[in-house]
Protein backbone atom coordinates (compact mmCIF):
# COMPACT_ATOMS: atom_id res chain seq x y z
CA MET A 1 43.49 41.45 27.74
CA GLY A 2 44.41 39.26 25.04
CA VAL A 3 45.29 35.77 24.89
CA TYR A 4 49.12 36.41 25.33
CA ASP A 5 48.93 38.63 28.38
CA PHE A 6 46.49 36.57 30.02
CA VAL A 7 49.03 33.56 29.48
CA GLU A 8 51.93 36.00 30.95
CA LYS A 9 49.79 36.61 33.63
CA ARG A 10 49.30 33.19 35.08
CA VAL A 11 52.61 32.56 34.21
CA GLU A 12 53.62 35.20 36.75
CA ASP A 13 50.99 34.72 39.54
CA SER A 14 51.80 30.37 39.79
CA ILE A 15 53.65 28.48 42.20
CA TYR A 16 56.06 26.97 39.34
CA SER A 17 57.35 30.47 38.21
CA ASN A 18 60.57 29.94 40.37
CA TYR A 19 61.29 26.33 39.61
CA SER A 20 63.91 25.58 37.22
CA LYS A 21 63.33 23.53 34.46
CA LYS A 22 64.83 20.00 35.88
CA ASP A 23 62.48 20.45 38.98
CA LEU A 24 59.60 21.07 36.56
CA VAL A 25 60.31 18.03 34.89
CA ILE A 26 60.46 16.19 38.29
CA GLU A 27 57.18 17.14 39.10
CA VAL A 28 55.69 16.82 35.90
CA GLU A 29 57.51 12.87 35.95
CA HIS A 30 55.84 12.58 39.45
CA LEU A 31 52.27 13.98 38.55
CA HIS A 32 51.98 11.11 35.53
CA SER A 33 53.45 8.17 37.65
CA TYR A 34 50.21 8.58 40.12
CA LEU A 35 48.07 9.36 37.29
CA ASP A 36 49.08 6.46 35.30
CA ARG A 37 49.01 4.10 38.72
CA LEU A 38 45.90 5.69 39.03
CA TYR A 39 44.22 5.12 35.52
CA ASN A 40 45.54 1.62 35.14
CA LEU A 41 43.64 0.71 38.72
CA LEU A 42 40.58 2.31 37.84
CA GLU A 43 40.87 0.77 34.35
CA HIS A 44 41.74 -3.08 35.25
CA LYS A 45 40.33 -3.28 38.86
CA ASN A 46 37.57 -2.89 41.23
CA VAL A 47 38.43 0.00 42.71
CA SER A 48 36.74 1.77 46.04
CA LEU A 49 36.96 5.55 46.62
CA ALA A 50 39.00 4.73 49.47
CA GLU A 51 41.45 3.28 47.56
CA VAL A 52 41.42 6.07 45.02
CA LYS A 53 41.35 9.07 47.61
CA ALA A 54 44.52 7.57 49.15
CA ILE A 55 46.62 7.21 45.67
CA VAL A 56 45.37 11.22 45.08
CA MET A 57 46.24 12.01 48.63
CA ASP A 58 49.70 10.23 48.42
CA ALA A 59 50.30 12.24 45.13
CA LEU A 60 49.87 15.38 47.07
CA TYR A 61 51.80 14.63 50.35
CA GLU A 62 54.95 13.42 47.63
CA SER A 63 54.51 16.59 45.72
CA ARG A 64 57.20 19.24 46.84
CA VAL A 65 54.55 21.27 45.40
């Protein structure tokens, strides 16, 4: 199996394979906003593991996936 075949198989098996481009952009923007928020907290504040977990759980809950 070549790299191309591997990628094609991953795309077919992906939970995102039926999403429209618009829906994928929404999901990516959602993920980006949570990652940016998390990065800024970790970079500029003394943040606890509980706070990190809360942000991650919020991101997972809010995601449509």
